[in-house]
Amino acid sequence: MKEFAYARAGDAAEAATLIAQRPDATYLGGGTNLVDLMKLGVTDPGLLIDVSRLPYDRIEHREDGSVLIGATVRNGALAGDPGIRERFPLLSQALLAGASGQLRTVATVGGNLLQRTRCGYFQDVSKPCNKREPGTGCPAIGGAHRDLAVLGTSEHCVASHPSDMAVALVALDAVAHVRSVDGGTRTVPVAELYLLPGDTPHRETVLDHGDLITAVELPPPPRGARMRYRKVRDRWSYAFALVSVATSVSVAEDGSLRDVRIALGGVAPRPWRARIAEERLCGARPDEETLREAARAELAEARPLPDNAFKVDLATDLIVAGVRDLVARSDRA
């Protein structure tokens, strides 16, 4: 690990001042991903600005059913929050599926959103990687790519996004609150926070240098919604998703689907909102054929590589099962 400087910001304004002065500076939250990458030599910031103690550590449940989650809230605290568990269970389930208990007590909400890919070539500085060093190539395409993406990829990068929490937030229509270095604020839908690789895979989000995520806001859940996060992985614990699906479904009195929200993890460079499947299913009767046709339509543009082609069928099956099981729960309620 290269030598670096460290500063603890007393407030957001001080953090902005510090980072504006150093193009090689970066914010430090829980450090569960950043510090690992520094140890590997993947990234070498000259200044770490600790923002983990800024006053963004509250979960605010509002009267209208919405929730404001501070960016420094720890993943474990969010997963265990009674209001989140009751009204947004797929978010709690995603967090519990995402890491060990030890990591959840340290990792922050803002840091989770900005974690980097776990592609082996990205993490191995002895190998070329367009995401790490633009123009050097993507050896994953012809190499080890079983765990990588099948949707939204390009000839320059096939890495998959690692966050379980972000998949749940995309399904819940969450928005991130962002503070820029000049003190201005804006909101960014989490679904629009991440960029597809195209020919600039080193650009992963729409954030500019010094932008600080201060909170994540969840709108009220859909009326009568049933939710679930389901993750398929190679081992039961502490493993990234081969494919995951966050599903929220509400059923009308006539048995049709009133509201359907689906997001996929493990299949794309960003959490993948399944808009095509949602459009086909909203208002439809949830029979097996309709569910499968909608799922297949969502995966029609997939560009799998030889060793991860199984993800297309797996994602299709998970979409079908996710909606079907929630409909069955609604029928029993």
Protein backbone atom coordinates (compact mmCIF):
# COMPACT_ATOMS: atom_id res chain seq x y z
CA MET A 1 0.00 0.00 0.00
CA LYS A 2 1.30 3.44 -0.94
CA GLU A 3 1.69 6.18 1.64
CA PHE A 4 -1.36 8.41 2.11
CA ALA A 5 -2.57 11.26 4.29
CA TYR A 6 -5.65 11.07 6.53
CA ALA A 7 -8.09 13.74 7.70
CA ARG A 8 -11.34 13.49 9.64
CA ALA A 9 -13.98 15.95 8.44
CA GLY A 10 -15.91 17.76 11.15
CA ASP A 11 -18.80 18.57 8.83
CA ALA A 12 -19.79 18.32 5.17
CA ALA A 13 -18.40 21.77 4.34
CA GLU A 14 -14.98 20.83 5.70
CA ALA A 15 -15.06 17.55 3.77
CA ALA A 16 -15.84 19.47 0.58
CA THR A 17 -13.02 21.95 1.18
CA LEU A 18 -10.52 19.17 1.76
CA ILE A 19 -11.46 17.14 -1.30
CA ALA A 20 -11.62 20.19 -3.59
CA GLN A 21 -7.96 20.86 -2.84
CA ARG A 22 -6.76 17.39 -3.81
CA PRO A 23 -7.70 15.59 -7.05
CA ASP A 24 -6.19 12.45 -5.53
CA ALA A 25 -8.40 12.62 -2.42
CA THR A 26 -11.34 10.35 -1.72
CA TYR A 27 -13.95 9.95 0.97
CA LEU A 28 -13.67 7.14 3.52
CA GLY A 29 -16.78 5.63 5.09
CA GLY A 30 -16.55 2.18 6.62
CA GLY A 31 -13.62 1.34 4.36
CA THR A 32 -14.65 -2.29 3.84
CA ASN A 33 -14.10 -2.07 0.09
CA LEU A 34 -11.79 0.92 -0.33
CA VAL A 35 -9.13 -0.29 2.11
CA ASP A 36 -9.06 -3.73 0.45
CA LEU A 37 -8.47 -2.10 -2.94
CA MET A 38 -5.69 0.03 -1.47
CA LYS A 39 -4.01 -3.06 -0.08
CA LEU A 40 -4.19 -4.70 -3.52
CA GLY A 41 -2.75 -1.61 -5.21
CA VAL A 42 -5.87 -1.14 -7.32
CA THR A 43 -6.34 2.40 -6.05
CA ASP A 44 -3.90 4.69 -4.27
CA PRO A 45 -5.55 7.89 -3.02
CA GLY A 46 -3.16 10.48 -1.65
CA LEU A 47 -5.66 11.67 0.98
CA LEU A 48 -8.44 9.82 2.80
CA ILE A 49 -11.15 12.10 4.15
CA ASP A 50 -13.04 10.28 6.88
CA VAL A 51 -16.75 11.13 6.62
CA SER A 52 -17.99 8.23 8.74
CA ARG A 53 -18.76 10.50 11.72
CA LEU A 54 -20.71 13.15 9.86
CA PRO A 55 -24.28 13.55 11.17
CA TYR A 56 -25.91 11.31 8.58
CA ASP A 57 -26.45 8.34 10.89
CA ARG A 58 -30.24 8.42 11.37
CA ILE A 59 -33.12 6.45 9.89
CA GLU A 60 -36.14 8.75 9.69
CA HIS A 61 -39.54 7.11 9.19
CA ARG A 62 -42.02 9.71 7.98
CA GLU A 63 -45.77 9.89 8.43
CA ASP A 64 -46.42 9.41 4.71
CA GLY A 65 -44.61 6.05 4.77
CA SER A 66 -41.38 7.27 3.18
CA VAL A 67 -37.99 6.81 4.84
CA LEU A 68 -34.83 8.91 4.84
CA ILE A 69 -31.71 6.84 5.51
CA GLY A 70 -28.52 8.70 6.34
CA ALA A 71 -25.44 7.75 4.34
CA THR A 72 -23.40 6.89 7.43
CA VAL A 73 -25.99 4.47 8.80
CA ARG A 74 -24.30 1.10 9.18
CA ASN A 75 -25.63 -1.76 7.10
CA GLY A 76 -26.31 -3.85 10.18
CA ALA A 77 -28.40 -1.11 11.79
CA LEU A 78 -30.43 -0.67 8.61
CA ALA A 79 -31.03 -4.40 8.19
CA GLY A 80 -32.26 -4.66 11.78
CA ASP A 81 -34.43 -1.54 11.85
CA PRO A 82 -37.99 -2.63 12.76
CA GLY A 83 -39.65 -0.26 10.29
CA ILE A 84 -37.45 -1.42 7.41
CA ARG A 85 -38.03 -5.07 8.27
CA GLU A 86 -41.79 -4.57 8.39
CA ARG A 87 -42.45 -2.31 5.39
CA PHE A 88 -39.37 -2.80 3.17
CA PRO A 89 -38.41 -6.41 3.92
CA LEU A 90 -36.56 -6.98 0.65
CA LEU A 91 -34.06 -4.27 1.67
CA SER A 92 -33.38 -5.96 4.99
CA GLN A 93 -33.11 -9.34 3.25
CA ALA A 94 -30.66 -7.96 0.68
CA LEU A 95 -28.43 -6.50 3.38
CA LEU A 96 -28.42 -9.74 5.35
CA ALA A 97 -27.51 -11.64 2.18
CA GLY A 98 -24.73 -9.25 1.27
CA ALA A 99 -21.90 -9.78 3.74
CA SER A 100 -20.84 -11.18 7.08
CA GLY A 101 -22.18 -9.79 10.33
CA GLN A 102 -18.79 -8.27 11.07
CA LEU A 103 -18.75 -6.31 7.82
CA ARG A 104 -22.33 -5.12 8.25
CA THR A 105 -21.43 -3.47 11.54
CA VAL A 106 -18.77 -1.38 9.77
CA ALA A 107 -20.01 -0.81 6.21
CA THR A 108 -22.07 2.33 5.56
CA VAL A 109 -25.03 2.88 3.27
CA GLY A 110 -23.19 5.46 1.17
CA GLY A 111 -20.11 3.29 0.89
CA ASN A 112 -22.15 0.24 -0.08
CA LEU A 113 -23.61 2.13 -3.02
CA LEU A 114 -20.13 3.06 -4.26
CA GLN A 115 -18.31 -0.24 -3.85
CA ARG A 116 -16.28 -1.33 -6.86
CA THR A 117 -16.60 -4.49 -8.94
CA ARG A 118 -15.20 -7.79 -7.71
CA CYS A 119 -13.95 -8.84 -11.18
CA GLY A 120 -10.71 -10.76 -10.63
CA TYR A 121 -8.88 -8.93 -13.40
CA PHE A 122 -9.82 -5.55 -11.94
CA GLN A 123 -8.43 -6.59 -8.57
CA ASP A 124 -5.21 -8.11 -9.96
CA VAL A 125 -2.82 -5.30 -10.85
CA SER A 126 -0.58 -7.73 -12.75
CA LYS A 127 -3.37 -8.09 -15.35
CA PRO A 128 -4.70 -5.53 -17.84
CA CYS A 129 -8.12 -4.00 -17.13
CA ASN A 130 -9.94 -1.23 -18.96
CA LYS A 131 -11.78 -0.24 -15.79
CA ARG A 132 -8.54 0.19 -13.87
CA GLU A 133 -6.34 1.40 -16.76
CA PRO A 134 -8.38 2.53 -19.79
CA GLY A 135 -7.18 1.13 -23.10
CA THR A 136 -5.34 -1.90 -21.73
CA GLY A 137 -8.04 -4.41 -22.64
CA CYS A 138 -10.56 -6.71 -20.98
CA PRO A 139 -9.04 -10.17 -20.48
CA ALA A 140 -12.23 -11.40 -18.79
CA ILE A 141 -13.95 -11.68 -22.17
CA GLY A 142 -11.64 -14.48 -23.23
CA GLY A 143 -10.75 -15.59 -19.72
CA ALA A 144 -12.50 -16.21 -16.40
CA HIS A 145 -15.95 -14.65 -16.75
CA ARG A 146 -18.36 -17.15 -15.14
CA ASP A 147 -19.37 -14.67 -12.42
CA LEU A 148 -19.61 -11.62 -14.68
CA ALA A 149 -22.32 -9.76 -16.56
CA VAL A 150 -24.60 -10.77 -19.42
CA LEU A 151 -26.63 -7.55 -19.76
CA GLY A 152 -25.43 -4.00 -20.45
CA THR A 153 -21.88 -5.04 -21.25
CA SER A 154 -19.55 -3.77 -23.96
CA GLU A 155 -16.46 -4.99 -25.78
CA HIS A 156 -14.47 -3.00 -23.22
CA CYS A 157 -15.88 -4.45 -19.98
CA VAL A 158 -18.09 -7.31 -18.77
CA ALA A 159 -17.76 -6.72 -15.02
CA SER A 160 -20.82 -7.14 -12.81
CA HIS A 161 -21.98 -4.85 -10.03
CA PRO A 162 -21.48 -6.38 -6.56
CA SER A 163 -23.98 -4.65 -4.27
CA ASP A 164 -27.04 -6.50 -2.99
CA MET A 165 -28.37 -3.42 -1.21
CA ALA A 166 -28.31 -1.37 -4.42
CA VAL A 167 -30.44 -3.97 -6.22
CA ALA A 168 -33.08 -3.70 -3.51
CA LEU A 169 -32.96 0.10 -3.59
CA VAL A 170 -33.44 0.14 -7.36
CA ALA A 171 -36.53 -2.07 -7.03
CA LEU A 172 -37.88 0.30 -4.36
CA ASP A 173 -37.42 3.44 -6.54
CA ALA A 174 -34.95 4.91 -4.05
CA VAL A 175 -33.19 8.21 -4.68
CA ALA A 176 -29.79 9.32 -3.42
CA HIS A 177 -29.30 12.78 -1.92
CA VAL A 178 -26.01 14.24 -3.14
CA ARG A 179 -24.04 17.26 -1.93
CA SER A 180 -21.51 18.82 -4.32
CA VAL A 181 -18.30 20.60 -3.34
CA ASP A 182 -19.93 24.01 -3.79
CA GLY A 183 -22.63 23.14 -1.26
CA GLY A 184 -25.36 22.55 -3.82
CA THR A 185 -27.64 19.55 -3.43
CA ARG A 186 -29.51 17.32 -5.83
CA THR A 187 -31.24 13.97 -5.91
CA VAL A 188 -30.32 11.09 -8.20
CA PRO A 189 -32.49 7.99 -8.61
CA VAL A 190 -30.36 5.03 -7.56
CA ALA A 191 -31.32 3.36 -10.86
CA GLU A 192 -29.60 6.26 -12.67
CA LEU A 193 -26.60 6.55 -10.38
CA TYR A 194 -24.54 3.96 -12.26
CA LEU A 195 -23.18 4.15 -15.80
CA LEU A 196 -22.94 1.28 -18.25
CA PRO A 197 -19.35 0.69 -19.42
CA GLY A 198 -19.67 1.55 -23.10
CA ASP A 199 -16.21 2.71 -24.17
CA THR A 200 -15.52 4.42 -20.80
CA PRO A 201 -15.68 1.57 -18.26
CA HIS A 202 -13.52 3.52 -15.81
CA ARG A 203 -16.47 5.90 -15.27
CA GLU A 204 -18.83 4.00 -13.01
CA THR A 205 -21.28 6.63 -11.67
CA VAL A 206 -22.68 10.04 -12.55
CA LEU A 207 -20.99 11.57 -9.50
CA ASP A 208 -18.31 14.23 -9.93
CA HIS A 209 -15.14 14.48 -7.86
CA GLY A 210 -16.12 15.63 -4.39
CA ASP A 211 -19.80 14.73 -4.63
CA LEU A 212 -20.93 13.27 -1.31
CA ILE A 213 -23.93 10.99 -0.88
CA THR A 214 -25.64 12.21 2.30
CA ALA A 215 -28.79 10.07 2.36
CA VAL A 216 -30.97 7.61 0.52
CA GLU A 217 -34.73 8.20 0.38
CA LEU A 218 -37.36 5.50 -0.05
CA PRO A 219 -40.84 6.50 -1.23
CA PRO A 220 -43.80 4.85 0.50
CA PRO A 221 -44.17 1.19 -0.50
CA PRO A 222 -46.93 0.36 -3.00
CA ARG A 223 -50.29 -0.41 -1.42
CA GLY A 224 -50.58 -4.08 -0.55
CA ALA A 225 -47.08 -4.88 -1.81
CA ARG A 226 -45.42 -8.19 -1.02
CA MET A 227 -41.63 -8.16 -1.29
CA ARG A 228 -38.72 -10.55 -1.37
CA TYR A 229 -35.00 -10.59 -2.16
CA ARG A 230 -33.68 -13.87 -3.46
CA LYS A 231 -30.01 -14.57 -4.14
CA VAL A 232 -28.34 -17.51 -5.87
CA ARG A 233 -24.64 -17.93 -5.05
CA ASP A 234 -21.98 -20.58 -4.97
CA ARG A 235 -22.00 -20.91 -1.20
CA TRP A 236 -24.47 -19.99 1.51
CA SER A 237 -22.58 -17.13 3.12
CA TYR A 238 -20.18 -14.34 2.21
CA ALA A 239 -20.46 -14.81 -1.55
CA PHE A 240 -21.46 -12.45 -4.34
CA ALA A 241 -24.56 -13.17 -6.39
CA LEU A 242 -24.48 -15.28 -9.50
CA VAL A 243 -28.00 -13.92 -9.99
CA SER A 244 -30.26 -12.17 -7.52
CA VAL A 245 -33.74 -10.71 -7.86
CA ALA A 246 -35.56 -8.08 -5.80
CA THR A 247 -39.29 -8.36 -6.36
CA SER A 248 -42.26 -6.31 -5.16
CA VAL A 249 -45.77 -7.32 -6.21
CA SER A 250 -49.27 -6.15 -5.39
CA VAL A 251 -52.37 -7.92 -6.69
CA ALA A 252 -55.68 -6.34 -7.65
CA GLU A 253 -59.02 -7.73 -6.46
CA ASP A 254 -59.59 -9.41 -9.83
CA GLY A 255 -56.31 -11.34 -9.51
CA SER A 256 -54.32 -9.25 -11.99
CA LEU A 257 -51.00 -7.68 -11.11
CA ARG A 258 -51.56 -4.10 -10.01
CA ASP A 259 -47.93 -3.17 -9.41
CA VAL A 260 -44.76 -5.12 -10.26
CA ARG A 261 -41.19 -4.05 -9.54
CA ILE A 262 -38.22 -6.24 -10.39
CA ALA A 263 -34.49 -5.61 -10.18
CA LEU A 264 -31.70 -8.06 -10.94
CA GLY A 265 -28.23 -8.38 -9.46
CA GLY A 266 -25.17 -10.27 -10.65
CA VAL A 267 -26.11 -9.94 -14.33
CA ALA A 268 -25.05 -6.41 -15.30
CA PRO A 269 -22.51 -3.66 -14.59
CA ARG A 270 -25.20 -1.93 -12.53
CA PRO A 271 -28.31 -3.08 -10.65
CA TRP A 272 -30.64 -3.99 -13.50
CA ARG A 273 -34.23 -2.74 -13.34
CA ALA A 274 -36.34 -5.18 -15.35
CA ARG A 275 -38.53 -2.56 -17.02
CA ILE A 276 -39.55 -4.75 -19.95
CA ALA A 277 -40.77 -7.54 -17.70
CA GLU A 278 -42.56 -5.06 -15.45
CA GLU A 279 -44.40 -3.46 -18.36
CA ARG A 280 -45.57 -6.84 -19.63
CA LEU A 281 -46.75 -7.99 -16.24
CA CYS A 282 -48.54 -4.93 -14.88
CA GLY A 283 -52.26 -5.51 -15.42
CA ALA A 284 -51.72 -9.09 -16.54
CA ARG A 285 -52.85 -12.36 -15.00
CA PRO A 286 -49.82 -14.03 -13.40
CA ASP A 287 -50.05 -17.45 -15.03
CA GLU A 288 -46.88 -19.41 -15.69
CA GLU A 289 -46.78 -18.72 -19.43
CA THR A 290 -47.24 -14.96 -18.99
CA LEU A 291 -44.55 -14.80 -16.31
CA ARG A 292 -42.07 -16.75 -18.40
CA GLU A 293 -42.71 -14.74 -21.57
CA ALA A 294 -42.14 -11.49 -19.65
CA ALA A 295 -38.92 -12.79 -18.11
CA ARG A 296 -37.63 -14.01 -21.46
CA ALA A 297 -38.39 -10.64 -23.03
CA GLU A 298 -36.27 -8.97 -20.34
CA LEU A 299 -33.32 -11.26 -21.06
CA ALA A 300 -33.69 -11.12 -24.87
CA GLU A 301 -30.87 -8.56 -25.21
CA ALA A 302 -28.42 -10.52 -23.07
CA ARG A 303 -24.93 -11.04 -24.50
CA PRO A 304 -23.60 -13.98 -22.50
CA LEU A 305 -20.13 -15.40 -22.83
CA PRO A 306 -19.51 -19.16 -22.99
CA ASP A 307 -19.08 -19.72 -19.27
CA ASN A 308 -21.86 -17.47 -17.97
CA ALA A 309 -24.62 -18.26 -20.47
CA PHE A 310 -26.38 -20.20 -17.70
CA LYS A 311 -27.22 -16.85 -16.08
CA VAL A 312 -29.84 -16.12 -18.75
CA ASP A 313 -31.94 -19.15 -17.84
CA LEU A 314 -31.24 -18.70 -14.15
CA ALA A 315 -32.39 -15.07 -14.18
CA THR A 316 -35.49 -16.05 -16.16
CA ASP A 317 -36.37 -18.72 -13.60
CA LEU A 318 -35.78 -16.36 -10.67
CA ILE A 319 -38.06 -13.67 -12.12
CA VAL A 320 -40.81 -16.22 -12.67
CA ALA A 321 -40.41 -17.76 -9.22
CA GLY A 322 -40.13 -14.38 -7.52
CA VAL A 323 -43.43 -13.07 -8.87
CA ARG A 324 -45.23 -16.42 -8.63
CA ASP A 325 -44.30 -16.94 -4.98
CA LEU A 326 -45.36 -13.44 -3.95
CA VAL A 327 -48.69 -13.84 -5.75
CA ALA A 328 -49.25 -17.09 -3.88
CA ARG A 329 -48.52 -15.33 -0.58
CA SER A 330 -51.04 -12.64 -1.48
CA ASP A 331 -53.66 -15.29 -2.21
CA ARG A 332 -53.11 -16.82 1.23
CA ALA A 333 -53.22 -13.48 3.06
